[in-house]
N, C-alpha and C. Protein backbone atom coordinates (compact mmCIF):
# COMPACT_ATOMS: atom_id res chain seq x y z
N MET A 1 -39.08 120.99 38.16
CA MET A 1 -40.76 120.85 37.94
C MET A 1 -40.97 121.75 39.20
N PRO A 2 -42.72 122.54 38.97
CA PRO A 2 -43.01 123.30 39.64
C PRO A 2 -43.69 122.78 40.84
N LEU A 3 -42.95 123.75 41.82
CA LEU A 3 -43.85 123.20 43.27
C LEU A 3 -44.73 124.39 43.86
N PRO A 4 -45.46 124.05 44.80
CA PRO A 4 -46.53 124.92 45.31
C PRO A 4 -45.69 126.21 45.99
N LYS A 5 -45.80 127.26 45.92
CA LYS A 5 -45.50 128.04 46.77
C LYS A 5 -45.77 128.54 48.14
N ARG A 6 -47.13 127.77 48.49
CA ARG A 6 -47.22 128.12 49.73
C ARG A 6 -47.70 126.49 50.28
N LYS A 7 -47.70 126.18 51.60
CA LYS A 7 -47.85 125.25 51.96
C LYS A 7 -49.45 125.56 52.28
N LYS A 8 -50.18 123.66 51.83
CA LYS A 8 -51.28 124.22 52.22
C LYS A 8 -51.85 123.57 53.66
N SER A 9 -53.41 124.74 54.08
CA SER A 9 -53.42 124.71 55.54
C SER A 9 -53.66 123.34 55.83
N ILE A 10 -54.06 123.25 56.78
CA ILE A 10 -54.54 121.65 57.31
C ILE A 10 -56.35 121.47 57.32
N ALA A 11 -57.05 122.73 56.84
CA ALA A 11 -58.37 123.36 56.66
C ALA A 11 -58.98 122.51 55.46
N LYS A 12 -57.70 123.26 54.39
CA LYS A 12 -57.49 122.84 52.93
C LYS A 12 -57.43 121.32 52.67
N LYS A 13 -56.38 120.73 53.41
CA LYS A 13 -56.29 119.13 53.54
C LYS A 13 -57.16 118.58 53.64
N ASN A 14 -58.01 118.73 54.82
CA ASN A 14 -59.13 117.91 55.11
C ASN A 14 -60.26 118.44 54.33
N THR A 15 -60.39 119.07 54.10
CA THR A 15 -61.77 119.52 52.91
C THR A 15 -61.66 118.67 51.76
N ARG A 16 -60.01 118.63 51.29
CA ARG A 16 -59.91 117.55 50.16
C ARG A 16 -60.30 116.32 50.55
N ARG A 17 -59.75 115.38 51.54
CA ARG A 17 -59.88 114.20 51.94
C ARG A 17 -61.63 113.74 52.66
N ALA A 18 -62.11 115.11 52.31
CA ALA A 18 -63.50 114.78 53.12
C ALA A 18 -64.59 113.65 52.70
N HIS A 19 -63.95 113.42 51.43
CA HIS A 19 -65.23 112.03 50.63
C HIS A 19 -64.24 110.84 50.60
N ASP A 20 -62.80 110.80 51.33
CA ASP A 20 -62.20 109.98 50.64
C ASP A 20 -62.61 108.45 52.40
N HIS A 21 -63.32 108.46 52.96
CA HIS A 21 -63.65 107.37 53.89
C HIS A 21 -64.36 106.61 53.39
N LEU A 22 -64.59 105.57 54.49
CA LEU A 22 -65.28 104.25 53.71
C LEU A 22 -66.28 104.61 54.54
N THR A 23 -67.47 103.80 53.38
CA THR A 23 -69.00 103.72 54.07
C THR A 23 -69.05 102.58 54.65
N PRO A 24 -69.95 102.01 55.55
CA PRO A 24 -70.13 100.77 56.15
C PRO A 24 -70.87 99.84 55.31
N VAL A 25 -71.27 98.80 55.26
CA VAL A 25 -71.41 97.51 54.51
C VAL A 25 -72.64 97.83 55.00
N GLN A 26 -73.63 97.85 53.63
CA GLN A 26 -75.23 97.43 53.87
C GLN A 26 -76.03 96.49 53.76
N LEU A 27 -75.86 95.57 55.34
CA LEU A 27 -76.72 94.51 55.06
C LEU A 27 -77.95 94.46 55.17
N SER A 28 -78.74 93.60 54.78
CA SER A 28 -80.06 93.52 55.13
C SER A 28 -80.60 91.70 55.57
N ASN A 29 -81.88 91.50 56.17
CA ASN A 29 -81.36 90.08 56.90
C ASN A 29 -82.72 89.58 55.68
N CYS A 30 -82.30 87.97 55.82
CA CYS A 30 -82.47 87.22 54.79
C CYS A 30 -84.28 86.92 55.77
N PRO A 31 -85.02 86.53 54.65
CA PRO A 31 -86.15 86.72 54.70
C PRO A 31 -86.87 85.07 55.38
N LYS A 32 -85.82 84.27 54.92
CA LYS A 32 -86.11 82.76 55.15
C LYS A 32 -85.29 82.52 56.92
N CYS A 33 -83.94 83.21 56.93
CA CYS A 33 -83.30 82.62 58.26
C CYS A 33 -83.32 83.76 59.25
N ASN A 34 -83.31 85.04 58.75
CA ASN A 34 -83.43 86.27 59.55
C ASN A 34 -81.97 86.25 59.95
N GLU A 35 -80.39 85.82 58.79
CA GLU A 35 -79.38 86.41 58.98
C GLU A 35 -79.21 87.29 58.20
N PRO A 36 -78.18 88.02 58.80
CA PRO A 36 -77.35 89.63 57.95
C PRO A 36 -76.91 88.84 56.73
N ARG A 37 -77.04 89.46 55.51
CA ARG A 37 -76.62 88.93 54.16
C ARG A 37 -76.45 90.29 53.78
N LEU A 38 -75.39 89.91 52.17
CA LEU A 38 -75.43 91.43 51.34
C LEU A 38 -76.61 91.50 50.17
N PRO A 39 -77.30 92.56 50.21
CA PRO A 39 -78.20 92.55 49.21
C PRO A 39 -78.05 92.21 48.07
N HIS A 40 -79.12 91.39 47.19
CA HIS A 40 -78.81 90.93 46.15
C HIS A 40 -77.24 89.69 45.68
N HIS A 41 -77.47 89.13 46.72
CA HIS A 41 -76.75 87.91 47.04
C HIS A 41 -77.56 87.06 48.07
N ALA A 42 -77.15 85.48 47.38
CA ALA A 42 -77.70 84.05 48.06
C ALA A 42 -77.17 84.62 49.90
N CYS A 43 -78.03 83.95 50.52
CA CYS A 43 -77.81 83.97 52.06
C CYS A 43 -76.64 82.60 52.30
N PRO A 44 -75.39 83.26 52.92
CA PRO A 44 -74.47 82.26 53.15
C PRO A 44 -75.00 81.16 54.30
N SER A 45 -75.86 81.51 54.87
CA SER A 45 -76.10 80.66 56.03
C SER A 45 -77.24 79.69 55.61
N CYS A 46 -78.53 80.01 54.87
CA CYS A 46 -79.20 78.94 54.06
C CYS A 46 -79.09 78.54 53.15
N GLY A 47 -78.50 79.82 52.20
CA GLY A 47 -78.48 79.21 50.85
C GLY A 47 -79.45 79.84 49.54
N PHE A 48 -80.38 80.56 49.98
CA PHE A 48 -81.58 81.10 49.28
C PHE A 48 -81.28 82.54 48.87
N TYR A 49 -81.86 82.28 47.54
CA TYR A 49 -82.09 83.78 46.71
C TYR A 49 -83.42 84.38 46.53
N LYS A 50 -83.98 84.48 46.59
CA LYS A 50 -85.47 85.31 45.91
C LYS A 50 -86.43 83.96 46.28
N GLY A 51 -86.22 83.35 47.23
CA GLY A 51 -87.25 82.15 47.62
C GLY A 51 -87.28 80.78 47.37
N ARG A 52 -85.78 80.47 46.17
CA ARG A 52 -85.41 79.39 45.98
C ARG A 52 -84.50 78.92 46.53
N LEU A 53 -83.77 77.95 46.68
CA LEU A 53 -82.24 77.43 47.14
C LEU A 53 -80.92 77.25 45.81
N VAL A 54 -80.36 78.22 45.77
CA VAL A 54 -79.50 78.25 44.89
C VAL A 54 -77.88 78.11 45.27
N VAL A 55 -77.68 77.70 46.40
CA VAL A 55 -76.08 76.97 47.12
C VAL A 55 -76.75 75.82 48.07
N PRO A 56 -76.76 74.98 47.29
CA PRO A 56 -77.07 73.73 48.26
C PRO A 56 -75.96 73.48 49.43
N LYS A 57 -76.29 73.41 50.76
CA LYS A 57 -75.88 73.88 51.92
C LYS A 57 -75.09 71.97 51.99
N ALA A 58 -73.95 71.32 52.68
CA ALA A 58 -73.37 70.38 52.84
C ALA A 58 -74.84 69.86 54.34
N ALA A 59 -74.71 68.55 54.17
CA ALA A 59 -75.42 68.14 55.56
C ALA A 59 -74.99 68.43 56.59
N GLU A 60 -75.90 68.75 57.80
CA GLU A 60 -75.26 69.28 59.02
C GLU A 60 -76.11 68.29 59.95
């Protein structure tokens, strides 16, 4: 199998890895209860999505 002739420099290695980072989760606030939630998902705390109840919560 062919092998590289020269060792890759640290700068070349880090340049290649520049896009391997993780992006933070983009959260938005629920308009009903103002809790953080994922966009285009039902709110985990109140169960509302687009102004209507889609996930009924247990009696508290």
